[in-house]
Amino acid sequence: MATKTISLELDAYEKLKAAKRKGESFSSVVRRARLSEPPPTFADLRKHMQQGGSGVDAKVLDEIEAAAANDTIPDNPWG
């Protein structure tokens, strides 16, 4: 099997080492790691929709984006 050498900053190495079980290789630790993607943003959703993901017109999306940019939190959210 081919191998690849990588460099890690010390804190990343310590985190990887801490996840390593007895008798387990670092490769096994990486293989079982669940690396999550960051949550989608409004910009991601808008791009998806503009690429035909929803059929919503770009003008409507622009209006929603403008409204969201000007939306402020009320002084009294219960009032």
Protein backbone atom coordinates (compact mmCIF):
# COMPACT_ATOMS: atom_id res chain seq x y z
CA MET A 1 0.00 0.00 0.00
CA ALA A 2 1.26 3.48 -0.86
CA THR A 3 1.85 5.95 1.95
CA LYS A 4 1.98 9.73 2.20
CA THR A 5 3.86 11.80 4.78
CA ILE A 6 2.00 14.80 6.19
CA SER A 7 2.84 17.56 8.65
CA LEU A 8 0.54 18.51 11.50
CA GLU A 9 0.70 21.33 13.97
CA LEU A 10 1.28 20.04 17.49
CA ASP A 11 -2.30 20.63 18.68
CA ALA A 12 -3.71 18.69 15.72
CA TYR A 13 -1.28 15.83 16.34
CA GLU A 14 -2.25 15.67 20.01
CA LYS A 15 -5.93 15.56 19.08
CA LEU A 16 -5.30 12.76 16.61
CA LYS A 17 -3.15 10.88 19.11
CA ALA A 18 -5.84 11.19 21.79
CA ALA A 19 -8.40 9.63 19.43
CA LYS A 20 -6.11 6.68 18.70
CA ARG A 21 -7.17 3.40 20.30
CA LYS A 22 -4.82 0.70 21.53
CA GLY A 23 -3.26 -1.09 18.56
CA GLU A 24 -4.85 1.29 16.06
CA SER A 25 -2.90 3.07 13.34
CA PHE A 26 -3.23 6.78 12.66
CA SER A 27 -4.65 5.84 9.24
CA SER A 28 -7.45 3.95 11.01
CA VAL A 29 -8.18 6.96 13.20
CA VAL A 30 -8.48 9.20 10.15
CA ARG A 31 -10.67 6.66 8.34
CA ARG A 32 -13.18 6.53 11.19
CA ALA A 33 -13.16 10.30 11.74
CA ARG A 34 -16.42 12.09 10.97
CA LEU A 35 -15.35 15.36 9.43
CA SER A 36 -18.38 17.60 9.20
CA GLU A 37 -18.95 20.26 6.62
CA PRO A 38 -19.83 23.76 7.82
CA PRO A 39 -23.56 24.46 7.76
CA PRO A 40 -24.82 26.02 4.54
CA THR A 41 -25.16 29.79 4.43
CA PHE A 42 -27.76 31.94 2.76
CA ALA A 43 -25.22 32.58 -0.01
CA ASP A 44 -24.97 28.81 -0.58
CA LEU A 45 -28.76 28.52 -0.74
CA ARG A 46 -29.00 31.48 -3.12
CA LYS A 47 -26.36 29.97 -5.42
CA HIS A 48 -28.19 26.64 -5.38
CA MET A 49 -31.45 28.31 -6.24
CA GLN A 50 -29.90 30.41 -9.00
CA GLN A 51 -28.54 27.23 -10.55
CA GLY A 52 -32.08 25.95 -10.88
CA GLY A 53 -32.39 24.26 -7.52
CA SER A 54 -35.80 25.77 -6.82
CA GLY A 55 -37.03 27.57 -9.89
CA VAL A 56 -37.23 30.83 -7.94
CA ASP A 57 -36.51 33.91 -10.06
CA ALA A 58 -33.24 35.73 -9.35
CA LYS A 59 -35.18 38.99 -8.79
CA VAL A 60 -37.13 37.37 -5.97
CA LEU A 61 -33.93 36.07 -4.43
CA ASP A 62 -32.39 39.55 -4.63
CA GLU A 63 -35.44 40.99 -2.86
CA ILE A 64 -35.21 38.36 -0.11
CA GLU A 65 -31.51 39.04 0.32
CA ALA A 66 -32.11 42.80 0.54
CA ALA A 67 -34.88 42.30 3.08
CA ALA A 68 -32.69 40.01 5.18
CA ALA A 69 -29.84 42.55 5.13
CA ASN A 70 -32.16 45.27 6.46
CA ASP A 71 -33.90 43.09 9.03
CA THR A 72 -33.10 44.33 12.51
CA ILE A 73 -33.75 42.78 15.88
CA PRO A 74 -36.52 44.65 17.69
CA ASP A 75 -35.74 46.38 20.99
CA ASN A 76 -38.44 44.30 22.66
CA PRO A 77 -38.86 40.98 20.86
CA TRP A 78 -41.89 40.19 23.03
CA GLY A 79 -43.75 43.41 22.33
